[in-house]
């Protein structure tokens, strides 16, 4: 909030979309990515 200068609610994604968008440079296992 302070870093962005935004005092309202913030949602952070998990990084899951990058499993898709960066699939060519990502290795996925049961442990994670």
ModelCIF file with pLDDT and N, C-alpha, C, O atoms, coordinates in Angstrom:
data_MODEL
#
_entry.id   MODEL 
#
_entity.id                         1 
_entity.type                       polymer 
_entity.pdbx_number_of_molecules   1 
#
_entity_poly.entity_id                      1 
_entity_poly.type                           'polypeptide(L)' 
_entity_poly.nstd_linkage                   no 
_entity_poly.nstd_monomer                   no 
_entity_poly.pdbx_seq_one_letter_code       
;(UNK)(UNK)(UNK)(UNK)(UNK)(UNK)(UNK)(UNK)(UNK)(UNK)(UNK)(UNK)(UNK)(UNK)(UNK)(UNK)
(UNK)(UNK)(UNK)(UNK)(UNK)(UNK)(UNK)(UNK)(UNK)(UNK)(UNK)(UNK)(UNK)(UNK)(UNK)(UNK)
(UNK)
;
_entity_poly.pdbx_seq_one_letter_code_can   XXXXXXXXXXXXXXXXXXXXXXXXXXXXXXXXX 
_entity_poly.pdbx_strand_id                 A 
#
loop_
_entity_poly_seq.entity_id 
_entity_poly_seq.num 
_entity_poly_seq.mon_id 
_entity_poly_seq.hetero 
1 1  UNK n 
1 2  UNK n 
1 3  UNK n 
1 4  UNK n 
1 5  UNK n 
1 6  UNK n 
1 7  UNK n 
1 8  UNK n 
1 9  UNK n 
1 10 UNK n 
1 11 UNK n 
1 12 UNK n 
1 13 UNK n 
1 14 UNK n 
1 15 UNK n 
1 16 UNK n 
1 17 UNK n 
1 18 UNK n 
1 19 UNK n 
1 20 UNK n 
1 21 UNK n 
1 22 UNK n 
1 23 UNK n 
1 24 UNK n 
1 25 UNK n 
1 26 UNK n 
1 27 UNK n 
1 28 UNK n 
1 29 UNK n 
1 30 UNK n 
1 31 UNK n 
1 32 UNK n 
1 33 UNK n 
#
_struct_asym.id          A 
_struct_asym.entity_id   1 
#
loop_
_ma_qa_metric.id 
_ma_qa_metric.mode 
_ma_qa_metric.name 
_ma_qa_metric.software_group_id 
_ma_qa_metric.type 
1 global pLDDT . pLDDT 
2 local  pLDDT . pLDDT 
#
_ma_qa_metric_global.metric_id      1 
_ma_qa_metric_global.metric_value   94.61 
_ma_qa_metric_global.model_id       1 
_ma_qa_metric_global.ordinal_id     1 
#
loop_
_ma_qa_metric_local.label_asym_id 
_ma_qa_metric_local.label_comp_id 
_ma_qa_metric_local.label_seq_id 
_ma_qa_metric_local.metric_id 
_ma_qa_metric_local.metric_value 
_ma_qa_metric_local.model_id 
_ma_qa_metric_local.ordinal_id 
A UNK 1  2 98.00 1 1  
A UNK 2  2 97.00 1 2  
A UNK 3  2 97.00 1 3  
A UNK 4  2 96.00 1 4  
A UNK 5  2 96.00 1 5  
A UNK 6  2 97.00 1 6  
A UNK 7  2 97.00 1 7  
A UNK 8  2 97.00 1 8  
A UNK 9  2 98.00 1 9  
A UNK 10 2 98.00 1 10 
A UNK 11 2 98.00 1 11 
A UNK 12 2 98.00 1 12 
A UNK 13 2 95.00 1 13 
A UNK 14 2 94.00 1 14 
A UNK 15 2 91.00 1 15 
A UNK 16 2 92.00 1 16 
A UNK 17 2 92.00 1 17 
A UNK 18 2 92.00 1 18 
A UNK 19 2 91.00 1 19 
A UNK 20 2 91.00 1 20 
A UNK 21 2 92.00 1 21 
A UNK 22 2 90.00 1 22 
A UNK 23 2 90.00 1 23 
A UNK 24 2 89.00 1 24 
A UNK 25 2 88.00 1 25 
A UNK 26 2 92.00 1 26 
A UNK 27 2 94.00 1 27 
A UNK 28 2 96.00 1 28 
A UNK 29 2 97.00 1 29 
A UNK 30 2 98.00 1 30 
A UNK 31 2 98.00 1 31 
A UNK 32 2 97.00 1 32 
A UNK 33 2 96.00 1 33 
#
loop_
_atom_site.group_PDB 
_atom_site.id 
_atom_site.type_symbol 
_atom_site.label_atom_id 
_atom_site.label_alt_id 
_atom_site.label_comp_id 
_atom_site.label_asym_id 
_atom_site.label_entity_id 
_atom_site.label_seq_id 
_atom_site.pdbx_PDB_ins_code 
_atom_site.Cartn_x 
_atom_site.Cartn_y 
_atom_site.Cartn_z 
_atom_site.occupancy 
_atom_site.B_iso_or_equiv 
_atom_site.pdbx_formal_charge 
_atom_site.auth_seq_id 
_atom_site.auth_comp_id 
_atom_site.auth_asym_id 
_atom_site.auth_atom_id 
_atom_site.pdbx_PDB_model_num 
ATOM 1   N N  . UNK A 1 1  ? 0.827  -1.208  0.000   1.00 98.00 ? 1  UNK A N  1 
ATOM 2   C CA . UNK A 1 1  ? 0.000  0.000   0.000   1.00 98.00 ? 1  UNK A CA 1 
ATOM 3   C C  . UNK A 1 1  ? 0.864  1.262   0.000   1.00 98.00 ? 1  UNK A C  1 
ATOM 4   O O  . UNK A 1 1  ? 0.626  2.188   -0.775  1.00 98.00 ? 1  UNK A O  1 
ATOM 5   N N  . UNK A 1 2  ? 1.838  1.285   0.852   1.00 97.00 ? 2  UNK A N  1 
ATOM 6   C CA . UNK A 1 2  ? 2.718  2.456   0.921   1.00 97.00 ? 2  UNK A CA 1 
ATOM 7   C C  . UNK A 1 2  ? 3.600  2.538   -0.328  1.00 97.00 ? 2  UNK A C  1 
ATOM 8   O O  . UNK A 1 2  ? 3.827  3.620   -0.869  1.00 97.00 ? 2  UNK A O  1 
ATOM 9   N N  . UNK A 1 3  ? 4.090  1.386   -0.774  1.00 97.00 ? 3  UNK A N  1 
ATOM 10  C CA . UNK A 1 3  ? 4.957  1.324   -1.952  1.00 97.00 ? 3  UNK A CA 1 
ATOM 11  C C  . UNK A 1 3  ? 4.229  1.856   -3.189  1.00 97.00 ? 3  UNK A C  1 
ATOM 12  O O  . UNK A 1 3  ? 4.819  2.559   -4.010  1.00 97.00 ? 3  UNK A O  1 
ATOM 13  N N  . UNK A 1 4  ? 2.941  1.515   -3.315  1.00 96.00 ? 4  UNK A N  1 
ATOM 14  C CA . UNK A 1 4  ? 2.152  1.948   -4.470  1.00 96.00 ? 4  UNK A CA 1 
ATOM 15  C C  . UNK A 1 4  ? 1.526  3.325   -4.276  1.00 96.00 ? 4  UNK A C  1 
ATOM 16  O O  . UNK A 1 4  ? 1.117  3.970   -5.243  1.00 96.00 ? 4  UNK A O  1 
ATOM 17  N N  . UNK A 1 5  ? 1.452  3.772   -3.025  1.00 96.00 ? 5  UNK A N  1 
ATOM 18  C CA . UNK A 1 5  ? 0.752  5.028   -2.751  1.00 96.00 ? 5  UNK A CA 1 
ATOM 19  C C  . UNK A 1 5  ? -0.753 4.875   -2.849  1.00 96.00 ? 5  UNK A C  1 
ATOM 20  O O  . UNK A 1 5  ? -1.469 5.841   -3.114  1.00 96.00 ? 5  UNK A O  1 
ATOM 21  N N  . UNK A 1 6  ? -1.228 3.657   -2.632  1.00 97.00 ? 6  UNK A N  1 
ATOM 22  C CA . UNK A 1 6  ? -2.661 3.331   -2.759  1.00 97.00 ? 6  UNK A CA 1 
ATOM 23  C C  . UNK A 1 6  ? -3.185 2.903   -1.395  1.00 97.00 ? 6  UNK A C  1 
ATOM 24  O O  . UNK A 1 6  ? -2.673 1.948   -0.811  1.00 97.00 ? 6  UNK A O  1 
ATOM 25  N N  . UNK A 1 7  ? -4.203 3.599   -0.874  1.00 97.00 ? 7  UNK A N  1 
ATOM 26  C CA . UNK A 1 7  ? -4.716 3.266   0.448   1.00 97.00 ? 7  UNK A CA 1 
ATOM 27  C C  . UNK A 1 7  ? -5.956 2.378   0.404   1.00 97.00 ? 7  UNK A C  1 
ATOM 28  O O  . UNK A 1 7  ? -6.514 2.036   1.447   1.00 97.00 ? 7  UNK A O  1 
ATOM 29  N N  . UNK A 1 8  ? -6.383 2.006   -0.792  1.00 97.00 ? 8  UNK A N  1 
ATOM 30  C CA . UNK A 1 8  ? -7.536 1.119   -0.938  1.00 97.00 ? 8  UNK A CA 1 
ATOM 31  C C  . UNK A 1 8  ? -7.109 -0.341  -0.950  1.00 97.00 ? 8  UNK A C  1 
ATOM 32  O O  . UNK A 1 8  ? -5.924 -0.647  -0.821  1.00 97.00 ? 8  UNK A O  1 
ATOM 33  N N  . UNK A 1 9  ? -8.072 -1.239  -1.105  1.00 98.00 ? 9  UNK A N  1 
ATOM 34  C CA . UNK A 1 9  ? -7.779 -2.669  -1.133  1.00 98.00 ? 9  UNK A CA 1 
ATOM 35  C C  . UNK A 1 9  ? -6.873 -3.063  -2.309  1.00 98.00 ? 9  UNK A C  1 
ATOM 36  O O  . UNK A 1 9  ? -6.948 -2.495  -3.399  1.00 98.00 ? 9  UNK A O  1 
ATOM 37  N N  . UNK A 1 10 ? -6.019 -4.055  -2.045  1.00 98.00 ? 10 UNK A N  1 
ATOM 38  C CA . UNK A 1 10 ? -5.129 -4.609  -3.074  1.00 98.00 ? 10 UNK A CA 1 
ATOM 39  C C  . UNK A 1 10 ? -5.251 -6.128  -3.047  1.00 98.00 ? 10 UNK A C  1 
ATOM 40  O O  . UNK A 1 10 ? -5.204 -6.745  -1.983  1.00 98.00 ? 10 UNK A O  1 
ATOM 41  N N  . UNK A 1 11 ? -5.406 -6.720  -4.221  1.00 98.00 ? 11 UNK A N  1 
ATOM 42  C CA . UNK A 1 11 ? -5.387 -8.168  -4.400  1.00 98.00 ? 11 UNK A CA 1 
ATOM 43  C C  . UNK A 1 11 ? -4.075 -8.512  -5.094  1.00 98.00 ? 11 UNK A C  1 
ATOM 44  O O  . UNK A 1 11 ? -3.700 -7.873  -6.077  1.00 98.00 ? 11 UNK A O  1 
ATOM 45  N N  . UNK A 1 12 ? -3.378 -9.521  -4.583  1.00 98.00 ? 12 UNK A N  1 
ATOM 46  C CA . UNK A 1 12 ? -2.196 -10.008 -5.285  1.00 98.00 ? 12 UNK A CA 1 
ATOM 47  C C  . UNK A 1 12 ? -2.514 -11.366 -5.879  1.00 98.00 ? 12 UNK A C  1 
ATOM 48  O O  . UNK A 1 12 ? -3.119 -12.220 -5.230  1.00 98.00 ? 12 UNK A O  1 
ATOM 49  N N  . UNK A 1 13 ? -2.097 -11.553 -7.125  1.00 95.00 ? 13 UNK A N  1 
ATOM 50  C CA . UNK A 1 13 ? -2.245 -12.873 -7.731  1.00 95.00 ? 13 UNK A CA 1 
ATOM 51  C C  . UNK A 1 13 ? -1.145 -13.767 -7.175  1.00 95.00 ? 13 UNK A C  1 
ATOM 52  O O  . UNK A 1 13 ? -0.289 -13.305 -6.420  1.00 95.00 ? 13 UNK A O  1 
ATOM 53  N N  . UNK A 1 14 ? -1.165 -15.016 -7.538  1.00 94.00 ? 14 UNK A N  1 
ATOM 54  C CA . UNK A 1 14 ? -0.259 -15.997 -6.934  1.00 94.00 ? 14 UNK A CA 1 
ATOM 55  C C  . UNK A 1 14 ? 0.983  -16.281 -7.753  1.00 94.00 ? 14 UNK A C  1 
ATOM 56  O O  . UNK A 1 14 ? 1.947  -16.850 -7.241  1.00 94.00 ? 14 UNK A O  1 
ATOM 57  N N  . UNK A 1 15 ? 0.972  -15.892 -9.017  1.00 91.00 ? 15 UNK A N  1 
ATOM 58  C CA . UNK A 1 15 ? 2.014  -16.310 -9.943  1.00 91.00 ? 15 UNK A CA 1 
ATOM 59  C C  . UNK A 1 15 ? 1.525  -17.420 -10.852 1.00 91.00 ? 15 UNK A C  1 
ATOM 60  O O  . UNK A 1 15 ? 2.250  -17.845 -11.752 1.00 91.00 ? 15 UNK A O  1 
ATOM 61  N N  . UNK A 1 16 ? 0.311  -17.894 -10.633 1.00 92.00 ? 16 UNK A N  1 
ATOM 62  C CA . UNK A 1 16 ? -0.241 -18.983 -11.438 1.00 92.00 ? 16 UNK A CA 1 
ATOM 63  C C  . UNK A 1 16 ? -0.375 -18.633 -12.911 1.00 92.00 ? 16 UNK A C  1 
ATOM 64  O O  . UNK A 1 16 ? -0.163 -19.487 -13.773 1.00 92.00 ? 16 UNK A O  1 
ATOM 65  N N  . UNK A 1 17 ? -0.725 -17.382 -13.209 1.00 92.00 ? 17 UNK A N  1 
ATOM 66  C CA . UNK A 1 17 ? -0.848 -17.009 -14.617 1.00 92.00 ? 17 UNK A CA 1 
ATOM 67  C C  . UNK A 1 17 ? 0.485  -17.169 -15.336 1.00 92.00 ? 17 UNK A C  1 
ATOM 68  O O  . UNK A 1 17 ? 0.512  -17.494 -16.523 1.00 92.00 ? 17 UNK A O  1 
ATOM 69  N N  . UNK A 1 18 ? 1.599  -16.941 -14.624 1.00 92.00 ? 18 UNK A N  1 
ATOM 70  C CA . UNK A 1 18 ? 2.908  -17.071 -15.257 1.00 92.00 ? 18 UNK A CA 1 
ATOM 71  C C  . UNK A 1 18 ? 3.224  -18.525 -15.613 1.00 92.00 ? 18 UNK A C  1 
ATOM 72  O O  . UNK A 1 18 ? 4.045  -18.772 -16.496 1.00 92.00 ? 18 UNK A O  1 
ATOM 73  N N  . UNK A 1 19 ? 2.586  -19.494 -14.940 1.00 91.00 ? 19 UNK A N  1 
ATOM 74  C CA . UNK A 1 19 ? 2.758  -20.888 -15.343 1.00 91.00 ? 19 UNK A CA 1 
ATOM 75  C C  . UNK A 1 19 ? 2.288  -21.070 -16.781 1.00 91.00 ? 19 UNK A C  1 
ATOM 76  O O  . UNK A 1 19 ? 2.824  -21.891 -17.525 1.00 91.00 ? 19 UNK A O  1 
ATOM 77  N N  . UNK A 1 20 ? 1.288  -20.299 -17.155 1.00 91.00 ? 20 UNK A N  1 
ATOM 78  C CA . UNK A 1 20 ? 0.761  -20.317 -18.513 1.00 91.00 ? 20 UNK A CA 1 
ATOM 79  C C  . UNK A 1 20 ? 1.572  -19.411 -19.439 1.00 91.00 ? 20 UNK A C  1 
ATOM 80  O O  . UNK A 1 20 ? 2.045  -19.850 -20.488 1.00 91.00 ? 20 UNK A O  1 
ATOM 81  N N  . UNK A 1 21 ? 1.729  -18.149 -19.047 1.00 92.00 ? 21 UNK A N  1 
ATOM 82  C CA . UNK A 1 21 ? 2.338  -17.170 -19.953 1.00 92.00 ? 21 UNK A CA 1 
ATOM 83  C C  . UNK A 1 21 ? 3.833  -17.379 -20.150 1.00 92.00 ? 21 UNK A C  1 
ATOM 84  O O  . UNK A 1 21 ? 4.381  -16.987 -21.180 1.00 92.00 ? 21 UNK A O  1 
ATOM 85  N N  . UNK A 1 22 ? 4.502  -17.996 -19.169 1.00 90.00 ? 22 UNK A N  1 
ATOM 86  C CA . UNK A 1 22 ? 5.933  -18.251 -19.275 1.00 90.00 ? 22 UNK A CA 1 
ATOM 87  C C  . UNK A 1 22 ? 6.228  -19.742 -19.342 1.00 90.00 ? 22 UNK A C  1 
ATOM 88  O O  . UNK A 1 22 ? 7.286  -20.193 -18.905 1.00 90.00 ? 22 UNK A O  1 
ATOM 89  N N  . UNK A 1 23 ? 5.288  -20.505 -19.889 1.00 90.00 ? 23 UNK A N  1 
ATOM 90  C CA . UNK A 1 23 ? 5.405  -21.970 -19.904 1.00 90.00 ? 23 UNK A CA 1 
ATOM 91  C C  . UNK A 1 23 ? 6.714  -22.459 -20.510 1.00 90.00 ? 23 UNK A C  1 
ATOM 92  O O  . UNK A 1 23 ? 7.243  -23.488 -20.090 1.00 90.00 ? 23 UNK A O  1 
ATOM 93  N N  . UNK A 1 24 ? 7.237  -21.742 -21.481 1.00 89.00 ? 24 UNK A N  1 
ATOM 94  C CA . UNK A 1 24 ? 8.467  -22.187 -22.145 1.00 89.00 ? 24 UNK A CA 1 
ATOM 95  C C  . UNK A 1 24 ? 9.693  -22.082 -21.254 1.00 89.00 ? 24 UNK A C  1 
ATOM 96  O O  . UNK A 1 24 ? 10.701 -22.741 -21.511 1.00 89.00 ? 24 UNK A O  1 
ATOM 97  N N  . UNK A 1 25 ? 9.623  -21.254 -20.197 1.00 88.00 ? 25 UNK A N  1 
ATOM 98  C CA . UNK A 1 25 ? 10.764 -21.109 -19.294 1.00 88.00 ? 25 UNK A CA 1 
ATOM 99  C C  . UNK A 1 25 ? 10.407 -21.532 -17.869 1.00 88.00 ? 25 UNK A C  1 
ATOM 100 O O  . UNK A 1 25 ? 11.031 -21.095 -16.902 1.00 88.00 ? 25 UNK A O  1 
ATOM 101 N N  . UNK A 1 26 ? 9.380  -22.398 -17.757 1.00 92.00 ? 26 UNK A N  1 
ATOM 102 C CA . UNK A 1 26 ? 8.880  -22.835 -16.453 1.00 92.00 ? 26 UNK A CA 1 
ATOM 103 C C  . UNK A 1 26 ? 8.807  -24.352 -16.394 1.00 92.00 ? 26 UNK A C  1 
ATOM 104 O O  . UNK A 1 26 ? 8.424  -25.009 -17.362 1.00 92.00 ? 26 UNK A O  1 
ATOM 105 N N  . UNK A 1 27 ? 9.182  -24.897 -15.242 1.00 94.00 ? 27 UNK A N  1 
ATOM 106 C CA . UNK A 1 27 ? 9.031  -26.334 -14.992 1.00 94.00 ? 27 UNK A CA 1 
ATOM 107 C C  . UNK A 1 27 ? 8.063  -26.498 -13.824 1.00 94.00 ? 27 UNK A C  1 
ATOM 108 O O  . UNK A 1 27 ? 8.288  -25.957 -12.741 1.00 94.00 ? 27 UNK A O  1 
ATOM 109 N N  . UNK A 1 28 ? 6.981  -27.250 -14.050 1.00 96.00 ? 28 UNK A N  1 
ATOM 110 C CA . UNK A 1 28 ? 5.958  -27.457 -13.026 1.00 96.00 ? 28 UNK A CA 1 
ATOM 111 C C  . UNK A 1 28 ? 6.030  -28.891 -12.527 1.00 96.00 ? 28 UNK A C  1 
ATOM 112 O O  . UNK A 1 28 ? 6.051  -29.839 -13.313 1.00 96.00 ? 28 UNK A O  1 
ATOM 113 N N  . UNK A 1 29 ? 6.069  -29.035 -11.205 1.00 97.00 ? 29 UNK A N  1 
ATOM 114 C CA . UNK A 1 29 ? 5.998  -30.341 -10.557 1.00 97.00 ? 29 UNK A CA 1 
ATOM 115 C C  . UNK A 1 29 ? 4.971  -30.246 -9.438  1.00 97.00 ? 29 UNK A C  1 
ATOM 116 O O  . UNK A 1 29 ? 4.397  -29.182 -9.206  1.00 97.00 ? 29 UNK A O  1 
ATOM 117 N N  . UNK A 1 30 ? 4.745  -31.337 -8.758  1.00 98.00 ? 30 UNK A N  1 
ATOM 118 C CA . UNK A 1 30 ? 3.817  -31.308 -7.626  1.00 98.00 ? 30 UNK A CA 1 
ATOM 119 C C  . UNK A 1 30 ? 4.313  -30.344 -6.540  1.00 98.00 ? 30 UNK A C  1 
ATOM 120 O O  . UNK A 1 30 ? 3.509  -29.758 -5.815  1.00 98.00 ? 30 UNK A O  1 
ATOM 121 N N  . UNK A 1 31 ? 5.619  -30.185 -6.431  1.00 98.00 ? 31 UNK A N  1 
ATOM 122 C CA . UNK A 1 31 ? 6.187  -29.292 -5.410  1.00 98.00 ? 31 UNK A CA 1 
ATOM 123 C C  . UNK A 1 31 ? 5.888  -27.827 -5.702  1.00 98.00 ? 31 UNK A C  1 
ATOM 124 O O  . UNK A 1 31 ? 5.764  -27.024 -4.778  1.00 98.00 ? 31 UNK A O  1 
ATOM 125 N N  . UNK A 1 32 ? 5.772  -27.475 -6.974  1.00 97.00 ? 32 UNK A N  1 
ATOM 126 C CA . UNK A 1 32 ? 5.540  -26.092 -7.353  1.00 97.00 ? 32 UNK A CA 1 
ATOM 127 C C  . UNK A 1 32 ? 6.076  -25.823 -8.738  1.00 97.00 ? 32 UNK A C  1 
ATOM 128 O O  . UNK A 1 32 ? 6.105  -26.711 -9.590  1.00 97.00 ? 32 UNK A O  1 
ATOM 129 N N  . UNK A 1 33 ? 6.501  -24.598 -8.958  1.00 96.00 ? 33 UNK A N  1 
ATOM 130 C CA . UNK A 1 33 ? 7.015  -24.201 -10.270 1.00 96.00 ? 33 UNK A CA 1 
ATOM 131 C C  . UNK A 1 33 ? 8.391  -23.590 -10.106 1.00 96.00 ? 33 UNK A C  1 
ATOM 132 O O  . UNK A 1 33 ? 9.008  -23.185 -11.092 1.00 96.00 ? 33 UNK A O  1 
#
